[in-house]
Amino acid sequence: MQIKTTTDQIADAIRDAIFSGKFQPGSRLKESDIASWLSVSRTPVREALRKLEAEGLADFVPNKGVIVPLLDDQDIDEICEVRILIELYCVRKFLRIATKKNFREMAALLEEMKSAVSNNKIPLYFALSLDFHNYIILHCQNNRLFYFFNSIRNTMRSAQTMLRENSSFVHNSIKEHSELLELLKKRSKDCEKVLRLHIESACERMRENIKKVKESQSEDLIAFQR
């Protein structure tokens, strides 16, 4: 088993904090504050932030320092387009080759998602939600699609933080995953329509929340300048 370096451990802690909402999109990642929070020196923090920059979870901005990237409409449009292209293709193939064992494992994953919501572990729910979608891609026998989908997982997790405080979306999301699984079991082509609407609904809600965050930041800046 590979032993994680201090830098890796710090990167894990910051990454989890971003996904949980402790560090929100647009907020600064100050080396001194993180070093104090984790009781470490600033050097491995700086190295961890560079690691997260490579993952798309940190931006080094001149005269501002390091910030958590705030996705814009184009980012969401691109995520939506990529997910629809990959997932609709994979779900069509999955319909043909899925086994009863696959459906049992997906049902178990769905129960984990429901448990996460019941225990108000929303960041865990979103991680499991991506695992649910990832399961279909993993089992459609195309390794390159699977690796590509996972290469943008952090970006998708970052986008999901825009939904964490929306309880109605989360509960609707659970229903949509349940409906999708039932349609898959029936090998119904209607699952494509449900999947597309599910992805588009999430992306539209992200756009709305991004707009609210940007409006709030503008108001804060105006108040600061007064």
Protein backbone atom coordinates (compact mmCIF):
# COMPACT_ATOMS: atom_id res chain seq x y z
CA MET A 1 0.00 0.00 0.00
CA GLN A 2 1.39 3.40 -0.99
CA ILE A 3 2.06 5.73 1.95
CA LYS A 4 0.82 9.27 1.33
CA THR A 5 3.24 12.16 1.69
CA THR A 6 2.46 15.17 3.86
CA THR A 7 1.73 17.14 0.69
CA ASP A 8 -0.77 14.48 -0.46
CA GLN A 9 -2.47 14.46 2.95
CA ILE A 10 -2.79 18.25 2.93
CA ALA A 11 -4.15 18.17 -0.63
CA ASP A 12 -6.71 15.55 0.46
CA ALA A 13 -7.83 17.75 3.36
CA ILE A 14 -8.19 20.86 1.19
CA ARG A 15 -9.95 18.89 -1.55
CA ASP A 16 -12.46 17.49 0.94
CA ALA A 17 -12.99 20.99 2.35
CA ILE A 18 -13.76 22.31 -1.13
CA PHE A 19 -16.21 19.51 -1.86
CA SER A 20 -17.91 19.94 1.53
CA GLY A 21 -18.31 23.70 1.08
CA LYS A 22 -15.84 24.77 3.78
CA PHE A 23 -13.93 26.56 1.02
CA GLN A 24 -16.54 27.91 -1.37
CA PRO A 25 -16.08 28.81 -5.05
CA GLY A 26 -14.43 32.21 -5.34
CA SER A 27 -12.95 32.14 -1.83
CA ARG A 28 -9.22 32.53 -1.11
CA LEU A 29 -7.01 29.64 -0.08
CA LYS A 30 -4.49 31.41 2.17
CA GLU A 31 -1.37 29.41 2.89
CA SER A 32 -1.05 30.80 6.42
CA ASP A 33 -4.66 30.00 7.33
CA ILE A 34 -4.45 26.45 5.95
CA ALA A 35 -1.10 25.87 7.68
CA SER A 36 -2.65 26.96 10.98
CA TRP A 37 -5.78 24.89 10.39
CA LEU A 38 -3.78 21.70 9.70
CA SER A 39 -0.89 22.48 12.08
CA VAL A 40 1.73 22.21 9.36
CA SER A 41 4.31 24.50 7.81
CA ARG A 42 3.52 26.63 4.78
CA THR A 43 5.89 24.82 2.39
CA PRO A 44 3.86 21.58 2.03
CA VAL A 45 0.69 23.70 1.87
CA ARG A 46 2.13 25.56 -1.12
CA GLU A 47 3.04 22.23 -2.75
CA ALA A 48 -0.45 20.87 -2.06
CA LEU A 49 -2.04 23.93 -3.66
CA ARG A 50 0.09 23.37 -6.78
CA LYS A 51 -1.16 19.80 -6.87
CA LEU A 52 -4.75 21.01 -6.63
CA GLU A 53 -4.07 23.56 -9.36
CA ALA A 54 -3.16 20.67 -11.67
CA GLU A 55 -6.51 19.07 -10.77
CA GLY A 56 -8.42 22.26 -11.58
CA LEU A 57 -9.37 22.88 -7.95
CA ALA A 58 -7.16 25.92 -7.29
CA ASP A 59 -6.33 29.03 -9.31
CA PHE A 60 -3.19 31.13 -8.77
CA VAL A 61 -4.39 34.65 -9.56
CA PRO A 62 -1.94 37.61 -9.74
CA ASN A 63 -2.44 40.14 -6.91
CA LYS A 64 -5.13 37.93 -5.35
CA GLY A 65 -3.36 34.75 -4.35
CA VAL A 66 -4.91 31.31 -4.64
CA ILE A 67 -8.67 30.97 -4.98
CA VAL A 68 -11.18 28.17 -5.39
CA PRO A 69 -12.27 28.41 -9.04
CA LEU A 70 -15.75 29.76 -9.61
CA LEU A 71 -17.15 27.99 -12.63
CA ASP A 72 -18.98 30.06 -15.21
CA ASP A 73 -21.80 29.28 -17.64
CA GLN A 74 -19.40 28.03 -20.29
CA ASP A 75 -17.87 25.56 -17.82
CA ILE A 76 -21.31 24.22 -16.97
CA ASP A 77 -22.31 24.05 -20.65
CA GLU A 78 -19.18 22.03 -21.42
CA ILE A 79 -19.73 19.67 -18.49
CA CYS A 80 -23.35 19.17 -19.54
CA GLU A 81 -22.40 18.48 -23.15
CA VAL A 82 -19.64 16.03 -22.26
CA ARG A 83 -21.83 14.16 -19.79
CA ILE A 84 -24.71 13.83 -22.24
CA LEU A 85 -22.43 12.62 -25.02
CA ILE A 86 -20.71 10.00 -22.85
CA GLU A 87 -23.53 8.90 -20.59
CA LEU A 88 -26.25 8.52 -23.20
CA TYR A 89 -23.95 6.45 -25.35
CA CYS A 90 -22.94 4.29 -22.39
CA VAL A 91 -26.46 3.80 -21.09
CA ARG A 92 -27.59 2.54 -24.51
CA LYS A 93 -24.80 -0.02 -24.47
CA PHE A 94 -25.39 -0.87 -20.81
CA LEU A 95 -29.01 -1.70 -21.60
CA ARG A 96 -27.84 -4.48 -23.91
CA ILE A 97 -25.19 -6.05 -21.70
CA ALA A 98 -26.20 -5.39 -18.07
CA THR A 99 -26.70 -8.40 -15.81
CA LYS A 100 -28.87 -8.98 -12.75
CA LYS A 101 -25.71 -8.66 -10.67
CA ASN A 102 -25.14 -5.18 -12.11
CA PHE A 103 -28.65 -4.13 -11.12
CA ARG A 104 -28.20 -5.50 -7.58
CA GLU A 105 -24.98 -3.56 -7.16
CA MET A 106 -26.59 -0.38 -8.48
CA ALA A 107 -29.52 -0.87 -6.10
CA ALA A 108 -27.06 -1.19 -3.19
CA LEU A 109 -25.36 2.02 -4.30
CA LEU A 110 -28.72 3.76 -4.47
CA GLU A 111 -29.42 2.70 -0.86
CA GLU A 112 -26.10 4.27 0.18
CA MET A 113 -27.19 7.48 -1.54
CA LYS A 114 -30.50 7.47 0.32
CA SER A 115 -28.70 6.84 3.61
CA ALA A 116 -26.34 9.76 2.97
CA VAL A 117 -29.31 12.09 2.43
CA SER A 118 -31.12 10.76 5.51
CA ASN A 119 -28.02 11.48 7.59
CA ASN A 120 -27.58 14.91 5.97
CA LYS A 121 -24.24 13.93 4.45
CA ILE A 122 -24.80 15.87 1.24
CA PRO A 123 -21.17 15.95 0.01
CA LEU A 124 -21.12 12.14 0.39
CA TYR A 125 -24.40 11.94 -1.51
CA PHE A 126 -22.95 13.85 -4.46
CA ALA A 127 -19.85 11.63 -4.49
CA LEU A 128 -22.06 8.52 -4.49
CA SER A 129 -24.23 10.07 -7.20
CA LEU A 130 -21.21 10.30 -9.48
CA ASP A 131 -20.31 6.71 -8.53
CA PHE A 132 -23.80 5.68 -9.69
CA HIS A 133 -23.25 7.27 -13.10
CA ASN A 134 -19.68 6.02 -13.17
CA TYR A 135 -20.90 2.47 -12.62
CA ILE A 136 -22.74 2.49 -15.94
CA ILE A 137 -19.69 3.81 -17.77
CA LEU A 138 -17.35 1.33 -16.07
CA HIS A 139 -19.51 -1.60 -17.13
CA CYS A 140 -20.05 -0.65 -20.77
CA GLN A 141 -16.66 -2.16 -21.70
CA ASN A 142 -14.85 0.94 -22.94
CA ASN A 143 -11.86 1.75 -20.76
CA ARG A 144 -10.99 4.97 -22.57
CA LEU A 145 -14.43 6.45 -21.94
CA PHE A 146 -14.19 5.39 -18.29
CA TYR A 147 -10.77 7.02 -17.83
CA PHE A 148 -11.87 10.21 -19.60
CA PHE A 149 -15.02 10.50 -17.48
CA ASN A 150 -12.92 10.14 -14.34
CA SER A 151 -10.42 12.72 -15.58
CA ILE A 152 -13.11 15.40 -15.19
CA ARG A 153 -14.52 14.00 -11.93
CA ASN A 154 -12.98 16.74 -9.77
CA THR A 155 -14.49 19.42 -12.02
CA MET A 156 -17.88 17.76 -11.69
CA ARG A 157 -17.47 17.48 -7.90
CA SER A 158 -16.57 21.17 -7.79
CA ALA A 159 -19.68 21.99 -9.82
CA GLN A 160 -21.80 19.92 -7.43
CA THR A 161 -20.88 22.23 -4.55
CA MET A 162 -23.20 24.75 -6.18
CA LEU A 163 -26.09 22.40 -5.33
CA ARG A 164 -25.24 21.39 -1.77
CA GLU A 165 -27.72 23.70 -0.03
CA ASN A 166 -30.66 22.88 -2.27
CA SER A 167 -32.63 20.17 -0.47
CA SER A 168 -35.41 20.03 -3.08
CA PHE A 169 -32.86 19.32 -5.80
CA VAL A 170 -31.27 16.53 -3.77
CA HIS A 171 -34.58 14.80 -3.10
CA ASN A 172 -35.62 15.12 -6.74
CA SER A 173 -32.23 13.74 -7.69
CA ILE A 174 -32.84 10.64 -5.56
CA LYS A 175 -36.18 10.09 -7.31
CA GLU A 176 -34.56 10.47 -10.72
CA HIS A 177 -31.84 7.93 -9.90
CA SER A 178 -34.49 5.51 -8.62
CA GLU A 179 -36.54 5.97 -11.79
CA LEU A 180 -33.47 5.50 -13.95
CA LEU A 181 -32.58 2.24 -12.21
CA GLU A 182 -36.12 0.86 -12.63
CA LEU A 183 -36.07 1.71 -16.35
CA LEU A 184 -32.68 0.06 -16.71
CA LYS A 185 -34.01 -3.10 -15.07
CA LYS A 186 -36.84 -3.11 -17.62
CA ARG A 187 -34.31 -2.38 -20.38
CA SER A 188 -36.52 0.51 -21.43
CA LYS A 189 -35.16 3.06 -23.88
CA ASP A 190 -36.99 5.73 -21.84
CA CYS A 191 -33.98 5.71 -19.53
CA GLU A 192 -32.16 7.87 -22.09
CA LYS A 193 -34.75 10.62 -21.78
CA VAL A 194 -34.73 10.45 -17.97
CA LEU A 195 -30.93 10.54 -17.88
CA ARG A 196 -30.74 13.53 -20.23
CA LEU A 197 -33.31 15.48 -18.22
CA HIS A 198 -31.51 14.60 -15.00
CA ILE A 199 -28.20 15.96 -16.28
CA GLU A 200 -29.76 19.06 -17.83
CA SER A 201 -31.73 19.82 -14.65
CA ALA A 202 -28.59 19.66 -12.53
CA CYS A 203 -26.67 21.91 -14.91
CA GLU A 204 -29.47 24.48 -15.04
CA ARG A 205 -29.60 24.63 -11.25
CA MET A 206 -25.83 25.11 -11.18
CA ARG A 207 -26.14 28.07 -13.57
CA GLU A 208 -28.76 29.65 -11.32
CA ASN A 209 -26.59 29.24 -8.23
CA ILE A 210 -23.47 30.55 -9.97
CA LYS A 211 -25.44 33.68 -10.89
CA LYS A 212 -26.45 34.14 -7.24
CA VAL A 213 -22.87 33.73 -6.03
CA LYS A 214 -21.58 36.28 -8.54
CA GLU A 215 -24.31 38.75 -7.62
CA SER A 216 -23.45 38.31 -3.94
CA GLN A 217 -19.76 38.88 -4.63
CA SER A 218 -20.57 42.05 -6.60
CA GLU A 219 -22.68 43.36 -3.72
CA ASP A 220 -19.86 42.63 -1.25
CA LEU A 221 -17.38 44.48 -3.46
CA ILE A 222 -19.66 47.52 -3.76
CA ALA A 223 -20.17 47.57 0.02
CA PHE A 224 -16.40 47.33 0.56
CA GLN A 225 -15.74 50.25 -1.79
CA ARG A 226 -18.21 52.54 -0.05
